[in-house]
């Protein structure tokens, strides 16, 4: 089963580079989808709500099926499933009203352009206006563990101008680890074998890794503090934990244990420190929404 959205890029860096280029050469138009369809989506038809349902379906189609505006915004600005607290100022309807969005991707589009196209679509059709601010928040820091990283750098996945992957989703591959070459850049496959859960990733940036595992911090933002540039390949193996039949108190204890086990797994297998169990106050970029409206009709 496919699990999450297509490749998320480092929005702040891309936006900063775009602003610098525009300042030097004059304002340049934002990349845009060729055509966009936005329709109300009946809640009774919903098969799931979350970032899994938002993103590229193939190199020609970006889609959000039955999703609230909140997740469209999060996908556009590179925020993970557990990072809702980093979006401030959206009205209540943005979390309740569901939309079916289909957007045609122009031929020759690159990975770096997709989130900019989504941002432009939100500005055009939802009249969204937003800006980034840095605010102190409780968060988890991702750093390099003593001894250094234990991942293989994959330079072939590092260019933001590389062609779009034919299969841009992360997905579950079943009972065995897939070959790295079977995965698109910026994707992961989950598997389970020999009593352990596994995740194989190909061409993952540390920003994307931090965003992907933000849920392990009980919903706190996870910030990349590794200072590692580039993309990496790796395979993780975790103990399988069964949570059925436990009291809420037991579940809390098991979640705390899972955090510690996850920290140990990242440290020993990847050479990374995820401070899931020891969040601190950090300067966190948050997206402040100044204006938004319900979408214009097709």
Protein backbone atom coordinates (compact mmCIF):
# COMPACT_ATOMS: atom_id res chain seq x y z
CA UNK A 1 0.00 0.00 0.00
CA UNK A 2 1.33 3.44 -0.85
CA UNK A 3 1.88 5.48 2.22
CA UNK A 4 2.75 9.12 1.78
CA UNK A 5 3.19 11.92 -0.65
CA UNK A 6 5.58 12.41 -3.45
CA UNK A 7 9.04 13.85 -2.97
CA UNK A 8 9.08 17.01 -0.87
CA UNK A 9 11.80 19.55 -1.65
CA UNK A 10 13.59 22.01 0.60
CA UNK A 11 11.14 24.86 0.11
CA UNK A 12 12.94 27.53 2.07
CA UNK A 13 16.16 27.05 0.07
CA UNK A 14 14.34 26.92 -3.25
CA UNK A 15 12.32 30.02 -2.44
CA UNK A 16 15.42 31.86 -1.29
CA UNK A 17 17.26 31.00 -4.49
CA UNK A 18 14.27 32.06 -6.55
CA UNK A 19 14.08 35.42 -4.77
CA UNK A 20 17.79 36.01 -5.31
CA UNK A 21 17.49 35.24 -9.02
CA UNK A 22 14.49 37.51 -9.42
CA UNK A 23 16.28 40.31 -7.64
CA UNK A 24 19.18 40.05 -10.07
CA UNK A 25 17.19 39.61 -13.29
CA UNK A 26 13.80 41.11 -12.53
CA UNK A 27 10.61 39.38 -11.52
CA UNK A 28 10.08 36.00 -13.16
CA UNK A 29 6.71 34.26 -13.35
CA UNK A 30 6.18 31.33 -11.01
CA UNK A 31 5.94 27.92 -12.70
CA UNK A 32 2.31 26.89 -13.07
CA UNK A 33 0.25 23.83 -13.85
CA UNK A 34 -1.20 23.73 -17.35
CA UNK A 35 -4.74 23.18 -16.07
CA UNK A 36 -6.36 22.83 -12.63
CA UNK A 37 -9.71 21.32 -11.64
CA UNK A 38 -11.05 21.91 -8.10
CA UNK A 39 -14.32 20.36 -6.96
CA UNK A 40 -16.06 19.93 -3.63
CA UNK A 41 -15.68 16.36 -2.37
CA UNK A 42 -18.51 14.60 -0.47
CA UNK A 43 -17.21 13.52 2.98
CA UNK A 44 -19.05 10.20 2.73
CA UNK A 45 -16.84 9.25 -0.23
CA UNK A 46 -13.60 9.87 1.63
CA UNK A 47 -11.25 6.91 1.86
CA UNK A 48 -8.68 8.67 4.01
CA UNK A 49 -7.42 12.11 4.93
CA UNK A 50 -3.73 12.93 5.08
CA UNK A 51 -0.65 13.80 3.07
CA UNK A 52 -0.63 10.30 1.58
CA UNK A 53 -3.47 11.43 -0.68
CA UNK A 54 -1.71 14.61 -1.85
CA UNK A 55 0.98 14.68 -4.52
CA UNK A 56 2.11 13.43 -7.90
CA UNK A 57 0.26 10.41 -9.24
CA UNK A 58 2.63 10.19 -12.20
CA UNK A 59 4.86 12.72 -13.99
CA UNK A 60 1.81 14.28 -15.67
CA UNK A 61 -0.72 14.57 -12.81
CA UNK A 62 -0.71 16.19 -9.37
CA UNK A 63 -3.76 15.26 -7.31
CA UNK A 64 -5.37 15.67 -3.90
CA UNK A 65 -8.40 13.39 -3.60
CA UNK A 66 -10.89 14.34 -0.89
CA UNK A 67 -8.48 16.42 1.15
CA UNK A 68 -8.83 19.61 3.23
CA UNK A 69 -7.00 22.79 2.34
CA UNK A 70 -4.74 22.27 5.34
CA UNK A 71 -2.99 19.34 3.66
CA UNK A 72 -2.73 21.14 0.33
CA UNK A 73 -0.88 23.93 2.11
CA UNK A 74 1.36 21.53 4.00
CA UNK A 75 2.29 19.70 0.80
CA UNK A 76 2.98 22.99 -1.00
CA UNK A 77 5.34 24.23 1.69
CA UNK A 78 7.16 20.99 2.53
CA UNK A 79 5.60 20.14 5.89
CA UNK A 80 5.14 16.59 7.15
CA UNK A 81 2.07 14.74 8.39
CA UNK A 82 2.73 15.58 12.06
CA UNK A 83 3.66 19.24 11.51
CA UNK A 84 0.23 20.85 11.55
CA UNK A 85 1.33 23.10 14.41
CA UNK A 86 3.67 24.85 11.95
CA UNK A 87 0.70 26.28 10.00
CA UNK A 88 -0.90 29.27 11.74
CA UNK A 89 -3.94 31.31 10.79
CA UNK A 90 -6.03 28.96 8.66
CA UNK A 91 -9.81 29.18 9.25
CA UNK A 92 -11.81 26.23 10.58
CA UNK A 93 -13.27 25.35 7.17
CA UNK A 94 -9.77 24.68 5.86
CA UNK A 95 -9.68 21.58 8.07
CA UNK A 96 -13.26 20.42 7.46
CA UNK A 97 -14.21 21.11 3.82
CA UNK A 98 -12.84 18.48 1.42
CA UNK A 99 -11.71 19.08 -2.15
CA UNK A 100 -10.83 16.99 -5.16
CA UNK A 101 -7.97 18.70 -6.99
CA UNK A 102 -6.42 17.59 -10.27
CA UNK A 103 -3.61 19.55 -11.89
CA UNK A 104 -1.87 18.81 -15.18
CA UNK A 105 1.91 18.99 -14.91
CA UNK A 106 3.61 20.65 -17.91
CA UNK A 107 6.04 18.58 -19.92
CA UNK A 108 9.62 18.98 -18.76
CA UNK A 109 8.73 20.05 -15.19
CA UNK A 110 11.35 19.37 -12.52
CA UNK A 111 11.06 18.25 -8.92
CA UNK A 112 11.94 21.70 -7.62
CA UNK A 113 9.10 23.28 -9.60
CA UNK A 114 6.23 21.11 -8.31
CA UNK A 115 5.80 22.77 -4.89
CA UNK A 116 6.09 26.18 -6.53
CA UNK A 117 3.28 25.19 -8.89
CA UNK A 118 1.13 24.12 -5.94
CA UNK A 119 1.85 27.40 -4.18
CA UNK A 120 0.86 29.33 -7.31
CA UNK A 121 -2.35 27.27 -7.61
CA UNK A 122 -3.25 28.02 -3.99
CA UNK A 123 -2.61 31.73 -4.56
CA UNK A 124 -4.70 31.78 -7.76
CA UNK A 125 -7.66 29.67 -6.72
CA UNK A 126 -7.76 29.97 -2.91
CA UNK A 127 -6.32 33.51 -2.78
CA UNK A 128 -3.80 32.20 -0.28
CA UNK A 129 -1.26 34.69 1.01
CA UNK A 130 1.24 33.49 3.58
CA UNK A 131 4.75 34.11 4.83
CA UNK A 132 7.35 32.35 6.95
CA UNK A 133 8.23 33.46 10.46
CA UNK A 134 10.61 31.97 12.99
CA UNK A 135 9.11 31.36 16.41
CA UNK A 136 10.38 29.52 19.49
CA UNK A 137 8.66 26.14 19.83
CA UNK A 138 9.20 22.77 21.44
CA UNK A 139 10.85 20.64 18.78
CA UNK A 140 13.14 17.69 18.15
CA UNK A 141 16.60 18.16 16.66
CA UNK A 142 18.14 15.76 14.13
CA UNK A 143 21.94 15.80 14.44
CA UNK A 144 24.94 13.66 13.45
CA UNK A 145 25.85 11.08 16.10
CA UNK A 146 29.39 10.73 17.43
CA UNK A 147 31.38 8.68 14.96
CA UNK A 148 29.71 10.17 11.89
CA UNK A 149 27.09 9.02 9.41
CA UNK A 150 26.72 5.44 8.18
CA UNK A 151 24.73 6.15 5.03
CA UNK A 152 25.75 6.10 1.38
CA UNK A 153 25.53 9.43 -0.41
CA UNK A 154 23.62 9.27 -3.70
CA UNK A 155 24.69 12.16 -5.91
CA UNK A 156 22.47 11.00 -8.78
CA UNK A 157 19.41 12.08 -6.74
CA UNK A 158 20.70 15.50 -5.71
CA UNK A 159 19.85 17.72 -8.67
CA UNK A 160 16.58 19.66 -8.16
CA UNK A 161 16.31 19.83 -11.96
CA UNK A 162 16.27 16.06 -12.49
CA UNK A 163 13.26 14.70 -14.39
CA UNK A 164 10.20 13.70 -12.40
CA UNK A 165 10.17 10.11 -11.20
CA UNK A 166 7.72 7.79 -12.95
CA UNK A 167 6.66 6.42 -9.55
CA UNK A 168 7.05 9.31 -7.09
CA UNK A 169 5.36 7.67 -4.09
CA UNK A 170 6.72 5.88 -1.11
CA UNK A 171 5.10 2.51 -0.83
CA UNK A 172 5.10 -0.81 0.99
CA UNK A 173 6.93 -3.60 -0.77
CA UNK A 174 5.74 -6.49 1.41
CA UNK A 175 7.98 -9.07 3.03
CA UNK A 176 11.41 -8.22 1.69
CA UNK A 177 13.63 -5.20 1.30
CA UNK A 178 13.54 -3.80 -2.25
CA UNK A 179 16.62 -3.09 -4.29
CA UNK A 180 17.65 0.57 -4.12
CA UNK A 181 17.43 0.81 -7.90
CA UNK A 182 13.74 -0.14 -7.72
CA UNK A 183 12.96 3.06 -5.81
CA UNK A 184 12.66 6.55 -7.22
CA UNK A 185 14.76 9.37 -5.78
CA UNK A 186 13.31 10.65 -2.52
CA UNK A 187 11.18 7.55 -1.92
CA UNK A 188 11.03 4.82 0.72
CA UNK A 189 9.55 1.32 0.82
CA UNK A 190 8.36 -0.29 4.04
CA UNK A 191 8.67 -4.04 4.53
CA UNK A 192 8.52 -6.62 7.30
CA UNK A 193 10.74 -9.67 7.56
CA UNK A 194 12.15 -11.94 10.28
CA UNK A 195 10.01 -10.30 12.96
CA UNK A 196 11.33 -6.82 12.24
CA UNK A 197 9.86 -3.84 10.40
CA UNK A 198 12.06 -2.23 7.80
CA UNK A 199 12.29 0.90 5.69
CA UNK A 200 14.50 1.17 2.62
CA UNK A 201 15.10 4.71 1.31
CA UNK A 202 16.69 5.98 -1.87
CA UNK A 203 18.01 9.51 -2.36
CA UNK A 204 16.60 11.02 0.86
CA UNK A 205 17.68 14.48 2.03
CA UNK A 206 18.03 15.13 5.74
CA UNK A 207 15.25 17.72 5.51
CA UNK A 208 12.94 15.06 4.09
CA UNK A 209 14.07 12.51 6.66
CA UNK A 210 13.30 14.93 9.49
CA UNK A 211 9.88 15.73 8.03
CA UNK A 212 9.03 12.07 7.43
CA UNK A 213 9.75 11.04 11.03
CA UNK A 214 8.16 14.03 12.74
CA UNK A 215 5.40 11.72 14.07
CA UNK A 216 7.88 9.84 16.24
CA UNK A 217 8.21 12.98 18.36
CA UNK A 218 4.54 12.84 19.46
CA UNK A 219 3.62 15.47 16.86
CA UNK A 220 6.49 17.87 17.58
CA UNK A 221 8.37 19.39 14.65
CA UNK A 222 11.66 17.67 13.82
CA UNK A 223 14.33 20.05 12.51
CA UNK A 224 17.37 19.07 10.48
CA UNK A 225 20.47 20.22 12.35
CA UNK A 226 22.90 17.79 10.69
CA UNK A 227 24.42 20.31 8.23
CA UNK A 228 24.59 17.38 5.79
CA UNK A 229 24.05 18.40 2.18
CA UNK A 230 22.97 15.98 -0.47
CA UNK A 231 20.85 12.82 -0.64
CA UNK A 232 21.44 9.41 0.93
CA UNK A 233 20.52 5.74 0.56
CA UNK A 234 19.92 3.49 3.56
CA UNK A 235 17.88 0.62 4.99
CA UNK A 236 16.51 0.71 8.55
CA UNK A 237 15.24 -2.24 10.58
CA UNK A 238 13.07 -1.69 13.66
CA UNK A 239 11.66 -4.09 16.28
CA UNK A 240 7.97 -4.84 15.68
CA UNK A 241 5.80 -3.63 18.56
CA UNK A 242 2.27 -4.94 19.14
CA UNK A 243 0.01 -2.39 20.83
CA UNK A 244 -3.33 -4.22 20.84
CA UNK A 245 -4.97 -5.07 24.16
CA UNK A 246 -3.13 -2.54 26.33
CA UNK A 247 -4.45 0.14 28.68
CA UNK A 248 -3.80 3.83 27.89
CA UNK A 249 -1.11 3.90 30.59
CA UNK A 250 0.58 0.87 29.08
CA UNK A 251 0.39 2.39 25.61
CA UNK A 252 2.07 5.59 26.81
CA UNK A 253 4.87 3.53 28.31
CA UNK A 254 5.21 1.53 25.10
CA UNK A 255 5.32 4.71 23.02
CA UNK A 256 8.12 6.04 25.20
CA UNK A 257 9.94 2.74 24.77
CA UNK A 258 9.41 2.93 21.00
CA UNK A 259 10.94 6.41 20.95
CA UNK A 260 14.04 5.17 22.73
CA UNK A 261 14.29 2.18 20.40
CA UNK A 262 13.92 4.47 17.38
CA UNK A 263 16.68 6.73 18.70
CA UNK A 264 18.97 3.72 19.15
CA UNK A 265 18.13 2.40 15.69
CA UNK A 266 18.97 5.68 13.95
CA UNK A 267 22.15 6.07 15.99
CA UNK A 268 23.55 2.59 15.39
CA UNK A 269 22.33 2.02 11.81
CA UNK A 270 22.57 5.50 10.27
CA UNK A 271 24.86 7.46 12.57
CA UNK A 272 22.16 10.02 13.31
CA UNK A 273 20.76 11.35 16.58
CA UNK A 274 16.98 11.89 16.65
CA UNK A 275 16.18 13.53 19.98
CA UNK A 276 12.60 12.16 20.12
CA UNK A 277 12.67 11.67 23.90
CA UNK A 278 14.37 14.97 24.68
CA UNK A 279 12.64 17.83 22.85
CA UNK A 280 13.97 21.33 23.41
CA UNK A 281 12.89 24.87 22.55
CA UNK A 282 14.21 25.77 19.11
CA UNK A 283 13.63 28.57 16.57
CA UNK A 284 11.11 26.89 14.27
CA UNK A 285 9.99 28.27 10.88
CA UNK A 286 6.18 28.50 10.87
CA UNK A 287 3.90 29.38 7.98
CA UNK A 288 1.62 32.30 8.87
CA UNK A 289 -1.48 32.55 6.69
CA UNK A 290 -2.55 36.16 6.11
CA UNK A 291 -5.46 35.54 3.77
CA UNK A 292 -7.38 32.63 2.23
CA UNK A 293 -10.77 32.12 0.57
CA UNK A 294 -12.83 29.18 -0.55
CA UNK A 295 -11.77 28.23 -4.09
CA UNK A 296 -13.04 29.81 -7.24
CA UNK A 297 -15.16 27.49 -9.45
CA UNK A 298 -13.66 25.73 -12.45
